[in-house]
Amino acid sequence: MTPLARESAELLATQALAWLVGNDDLLPVFLGTSGAGETDIRARARDPEFLGSVLDFLLMDDAWISAFCDSANYTYDQPMRARAALPGGAQTNWT
């Protein structure tokens, strides 16, 4: 898997955050899971580490990824590729 360029990854993650904020059913789940509040979303919307956590959350469920990608016209592998380009996204190789 080839990561996206950092700028493209941040753009995709920002779009994922906007999609998440607009999802009345899923946003409370993200807030509860991440411990973030609405003020954190505003304050950290451009923070690559926070954006990585948004993608981590969405990547927990194929249905969430499919819904986001379908709405934003991304292929289903792009969120994972974007996550790999953001801080903390390097895959661990256990050998």
N, C-alpha and C. Protein backbone atom coordinates (compact mmCIF):
# COMPACT_ATOMS: atom_id res chain seq x y z
N MET A 1 0.85 -1.18 0.00
CA MET A 1 0.00 0.00 0.00
C MET A 1 0.89 1.24 0.00
N THR A 2 0.63 2.12 -0.92
CA THR A 2 1.37 3.36 -1.03
C THR A 2 0.58 4.47 -0.34
N PRO A 3 1.19 5.12 0.66
CA PRO A 3 0.49 6.23 1.32
C PRO A 3 0.24 7.38 0.35
N LEU A 4 -0.77 8.16 0.62
CA LEU A 4 -1.00 9.38 -0.14
C LEU A 4 0.05 10.41 0.24
N ALA A 5 0.21 11.43 -0.58
CA ALA A 5 1.05 12.56 -0.20
C ALA A 5 0.43 13.21 1.03
N ARG A 6 1.26 13.76 1.88
CA ARG A 6 0.80 14.33 3.15
C ARG A 6 -0.32 15.35 2.96
N GLU A 7 -0.17 16.24 2.00
CA GLU A 7 -1.19 17.27 1.76
C GLU A 7 -2.51 16.64 1.33
N SER A 8 -2.45 15.65 0.46
CA SER A 8 -3.67 14.95 0.01
C SER A 8 -4.31 14.20 1.17
N ALA A 9 -3.48 13.61 2.03
CA ALA A 9 -3.98 12.88 3.19
C ALA A 9 -4.71 13.82 4.15
N GLU A 10 -4.14 14.99 4.38
CA GLU A 10 -4.78 15.96 5.27
C GLU A 10 -6.10 16.45 4.68
N LEU A 11 -6.14 16.65 3.37
CA LEU A 11 -7.38 17.09 2.72
C LEU A 11 -8.47 16.02 2.87
N LEU A 12 -8.12 14.77 2.60
CA LEU A 12 -9.09 13.69 2.73
C LEU A 12 -9.58 13.60 4.17
N ALA A 13 -8.67 13.67 5.13
CA ALA A 13 -9.05 13.57 6.54
C ALA A 13 -9.92 14.74 6.97
N THR A 14 -9.66 15.92 6.45
CA THR A 14 -10.49 17.09 6.75
C THR A 14 -11.90 16.89 6.18
N GLN A 15 -11.97 16.32 4.99
CA GLN A 15 -13.28 16.02 4.41
C GLN A 15 -14.00 14.95 5.22
N ALA A 16 -13.25 13.97 5.71
CA ALA A 16 -13.85 12.94 6.56
C ALA A 16 -14.39 13.56 7.85
N LEU A 17 -13.64 14.49 8.42
CA LEU A 17 -14.11 15.18 9.63
C LEU A 17 -15.39 15.95 9.35
N ALA A 18 -15.44 16.66 8.23
CA ALA A 18 -16.65 17.42 7.87
C ALA A 18 -17.83 16.46 7.68
N TRP A 19 -17.58 15.33 7.05
CA TRP A 19 -18.64 14.32 6.86
C TRP A 19 -19.11 13.81 8.22
N LEU A 20 -18.17 13.55 9.10
CA LEU A 20 -18.50 13.04 10.42
C LEU A 20 -19.32 14.06 11.22
N VAL A 21 -18.93 15.31 11.16
CA VAL A 21 -19.65 16.37 11.87
C VAL A 21 -21.09 16.48 11.36
N GLY A 22 -21.28 16.22 10.08
CA GLY A 22 -22.62 16.28 9.49
C GLY A 22 -23.46 15.03 9.72
N ASN A 23 -22.89 14.03 10.36
CA ASN A 23 -23.60 12.77 10.59
C ASN A 23 -24.11 12.75 12.03
N ASP A 24 -25.39 13.03 12.19
CA ASP A 24 -25.99 13.16 13.53
C ASP A 24 -25.95 11.85 14.33
N ASP A 25 -25.91 10.72 13.64
CA ASP A 25 -25.87 9.44 14.35
C ASP A 25 -24.46 9.07 14.77
N LEU A 26 -23.49 9.35 13.92
CA LEU A 26 -22.13 8.89 14.15
C LEU A 26 -21.28 9.87 14.96
N LEU A 27 -21.54 11.16 14.85
CA LEU A 27 -20.74 12.15 15.58
C LEU A 27 -20.72 11.89 17.09
N PRO A 28 -21.86 11.62 17.74
CA PRO A 28 -21.80 11.36 19.17
C PRO A 28 -20.97 10.12 19.52
N VAL A 29 -20.95 9.13 18.63
CA VAL A 29 -20.14 7.94 18.85
C VAL A 29 -18.66 8.32 18.80
N PHE A 30 -18.29 9.13 17.81
CA PHE A 30 -16.90 9.59 17.71
C PHE A 30 -16.51 10.39 18.94
N LEU A 31 -17.36 11.32 19.34
CA LEU A 31 -17.04 12.15 20.50
C LEU A 31 -16.88 11.30 21.75
N GLY A 32 -17.76 10.32 21.92
CA GLY A 32 -17.67 9.45 23.09
C GLY A 32 -16.45 8.55 23.07
N THR A 33 -16.11 8.08 21.89
CA THR A 33 -14.96 7.17 21.74
C THR A 33 -13.64 7.91 21.88
N SER A 34 -13.57 9.09 21.29
CA SER A 34 -12.30 9.84 21.26
C SER A 34 -12.08 10.69 22.50
N GLY A 35 -13.17 11.01 23.20
CA GLY A 35 -13.06 11.92 24.33
C GLY A 35 -13.01 13.38 23.90
N ALA A 36 -13.12 13.61 22.61
CA ALA A 36 -13.10 14.99 22.08
C ALA A 36 -14.46 15.64 22.29
N GLY A 37 -14.44 16.94 22.37
CA GLY A 37 -15.67 17.72 22.44
C GLY A 37 -15.79 18.56 21.19
N GLU A 38 -16.91 19.23 21.06
CA GLU A 38 -17.11 20.06 19.87
C GLU A 38 -16.06 21.16 19.77
N THR A 39 -15.62 21.70 20.90
CA THR A 39 -14.57 22.74 20.84
C THR A 39 -13.25 22.14 20.37
N ASP A 40 -12.99 20.88 20.72
CA ASP A 40 -11.77 20.22 20.23
C ASP A 40 -11.80 20.09 18.72
N ILE A 41 -12.97 19.77 18.19
CA ILE A 41 -13.08 19.62 16.74
C ILE A 41 -12.72 20.92 16.05
N ARG A 42 -13.24 22.02 16.54
CA ARG A 42 -12.93 23.33 15.94
C ARG A 42 -11.45 23.67 16.11
N ALA A 43 -10.93 23.44 17.30
CA ALA A 43 -9.55 23.84 17.60
C ALA A 43 -8.52 22.95 16.91
N ARG A 44 -8.86 21.70 16.67
CA ARG A 44 -7.86 20.76 16.15
C ARG A 44 -8.15 20.28 14.74
N ALA A 45 -9.05 20.93 14.04
CA ALA A 45 -9.46 20.49 12.70
C ALA A 45 -8.32 20.45 11.70
N ARG A 46 -7.25 21.18 11.96
CA ARG A 46 -6.10 21.18 11.04
C ARG A 46 -4.89 20.45 11.64
N ASP A 47 -5.07 19.85 12.78
CA ASP A 47 -3.99 19.13 13.46
C ASP A 47 -3.86 17.73 12.84
N PRO A 48 -2.72 17.42 12.20
CA PRO A 48 -2.57 16.12 11.54
C PRO A 48 -2.77 14.92 12.48
N GLU A 49 -2.38 15.06 13.74
CA GLU A 49 -2.59 13.95 14.69
C GLU A 49 -4.09 13.74 14.96
N PHE A 50 -4.83 14.82 15.12
CA PHE A 50 -6.27 14.71 15.33
C PHE A 50 -6.95 14.14 14.08
N LEU A 51 -6.53 14.62 12.92
CA LEU A 51 -7.10 14.10 11.68
C LEU A 51 -6.82 12.61 11.54
N GLY A 52 -5.66 12.17 12.00
CA GLY A 52 -5.37 10.74 12.01
C GLY A 52 -6.34 9.98 12.89
N SER A 53 -6.71 10.58 14.02
CA SER A 53 -7.66 9.91 14.91
C SER A 53 -9.05 9.82 14.28
N VAL A 54 -9.40 10.80 13.47
CA VAL A 54 -10.67 10.75 12.75
C VAL A 54 -10.66 9.56 11.80
N LEU A 55 -9.57 9.41 11.06
CA LEU A 55 -9.48 8.27 10.14
C LEU A 55 -9.41 6.95 10.89
N ASP A 56 -8.70 6.91 12.01
CA ASP A 56 -8.68 5.69 12.82
C ASP A 56 -10.10 5.28 13.20
N PHE A 57 -10.90 6.25 13.60
CA PHE A 57 -12.27 5.97 13.99
C PHE A 57 -13.07 5.42 12.81
N LEU A 58 -13.02 6.10 11.68
CA LEU A 58 -13.79 5.65 10.52
C LEU A 58 -13.35 4.28 10.03
N LEU A 59 -12.06 4.01 10.14
CA LEU A 59 -11.53 2.74 9.66
C LEU A 59 -11.96 1.55 10.54
N MET A 60 -12.61 1.82 11.65
CA MET A 60 -13.08 0.74 12.52
C MET A 60 -14.28 0.00 11.92
N ASP A 61 -14.96 0.59 10.94
CA ASP A 61 -16.17 -0.02 10.41
C ASP A 61 -16.22 0.17 8.89
N ASP A 62 -16.31 -0.93 8.17
CA ASP A 62 -16.36 -0.86 6.71
C ASP A 62 -17.55 -0.04 6.22
N ALA A 63 -18.67 -0.11 6.92
CA ALA A 63 -19.85 0.63 6.50
C ALA A 63 -19.61 2.14 6.58
N TRP A 64 -18.87 2.58 7.60
CA TRP A 64 -18.57 4.00 7.75
C TRP A 64 -17.65 4.46 6.63
N ILE A 65 -16.64 3.65 6.33
CA ILE A 65 -15.72 3.99 5.24
C ILE A 65 -16.47 4.04 3.92
N SER A 66 -17.30 3.05 3.68
CA SER A 66 -18.07 3.02 2.42
C SER A 66 -18.96 4.24 2.29
N ALA A 67 -19.65 4.59 3.38
CA ALA A 67 -20.55 5.75 3.33
C ALA A 67 -19.77 7.04 3.07
N PHE A 68 -18.64 7.22 3.76
CA PHE A 68 -17.84 8.42 3.53
C PHE A 68 -17.31 8.45 2.10
N CYS A 69 -16.70 7.35 1.67
CA CYS A 69 -16.10 7.32 0.33
C CYS A 69 -17.15 7.52 -0.76
N ASP A 70 -18.31 6.92 -0.60
CA ASP A 70 -19.38 7.09 -1.58
C ASP A 70 -19.83 8.55 -1.64
N SER A 71 -19.89 9.20 -0.49
CA SER A 71 -20.35 10.59 -0.47
C SER A 71 -19.30 11.56 -1.01
N ALA A 72 -18.02 11.21 -0.86
CA ALA A 72 -16.94 12.12 -1.26
C ALA A 72 -16.24 11.69 -2.55
N ASN A 73 -16.73 10.60 -3.16
CA ASN A 73 -16.18 10.11 -4.42
C ASN A 73 -14.72 9.68 -4.29
N TYR A 74 -14.41 8.96 -3.21
CA TYR A 74 -13.09 8.36 -3.02
C TYR A 74 -13.20 6.85 -3.21
N THR A 75 -12.10 6.24 -3.60
CA THR A 75 -12.06 4.78 -3.62
C THR A 75 -11.93 4.31 -2.17
N TYR A 76 -12.35 3.09 -1.91
CA TYR A 76 -12.40 2.60 -0.54
C TYR A 76 -11.04 2.45 0.12
N ASP A 77 -9.98 2.40 -0.66
CA ASP A 77 -8.64 2.26 -0.06
C ASP A 77 -8.00 3.60 0.30
N GLN A 78 -8.54 4.68 -0.20
CA GLN A 78 -7.90 5.98 0.03
C GLN A 78 -7.85 6.42 1.50
N PRO A 79 -8.88 6.19 2.31
CA PRO A 79 -8.75 6.57 3.72
C PRO A 79 -7.60 5.84 4.43
N MET A 80 -7.39 4.57 4.12
CA MET A 80 -6.29 3.84 4.74
C MET A 80 -4.95 4.38 4.23
N ARG A 81 -4.89 4.70 2.97
CA ARG A 81 -3.66 5.28 2.42
C ARG A 81 -3.39 6.65 3.03
N ALA A 82 -4.46 7.42 3.25
CA ALA A 82 -4.30 8.74 3.89
C ALA A 82 -3.83 8.56 5.32
N ARG A 83 -4.39 7.58 6.02
CA ARG A 83 -4.00 7.35 7.41
C ARG A 83 -2.53 7.02 7.52
N ALA A 84 -2.02 6.27 6.57
CA ALA A 84 -0.61 5.89 6.58
C ALA A 84 0.31 7.10 6.42
N ALA A 85 -0.19 8.17 5.83
CA ALA A 85 0.62 9.36 5.58
C ALA A 85 0.61 10.35 6.75
N LEU A 86 -0.29 10.14 7.70
CA LEU A 86 -0.41 11.07 8.82
C LEU A 86 0.35 10.54 10.04
N PRO A 87 0.66 11.41 11.00
CA PRO A 87 1.41 10.97 12.19
C PRO A 87 0.74 9.78 12.88
N GLY A 88 1.56 8.79 13.21
CA GLY A 88 1.07 7.60 13.89
C GLY A 88 0.47 6.57 12.96
N GLY A 89 0.53 6.82 11.66
CA GLY A 89 -0.12 5.92 10.71
C GLY A 89 0.77 4.85 10.12
N ALA A 90 2.04 4.84 10.48
CA ALA A 90 2.93 3.81 9.94
C ALA A 90 2.48 2.45 10.46
N GLN A 91 2.43 1.50 9.56
CA GLN A 91 2.02 0.16 9.95
C GLN A 91 3.14 -0.53 10.71
N THR A 92 2.74 -1.24 11.75
CA THR A 92 3.70 -2.02 12.52
C THR A 92 3.86 -3.37 11.84
N ASN A 93 5.08 -3.78 11.64
CA ASN A 93 5.34 -5.07 11.04
C ASN A 93 5.88 -6.00 12.10
N TRP A 94 5.07 -6.95 12.53
CA TRP A 94 5.46 -7.90 13.55
C TRP A 94 6.05 -9.13 12.88
N THR A 95 7.34 -9.33 13.08
CA THR A 95 7.96 -10.53 12.49
C THR A 95 8.70 -11.31 13.54
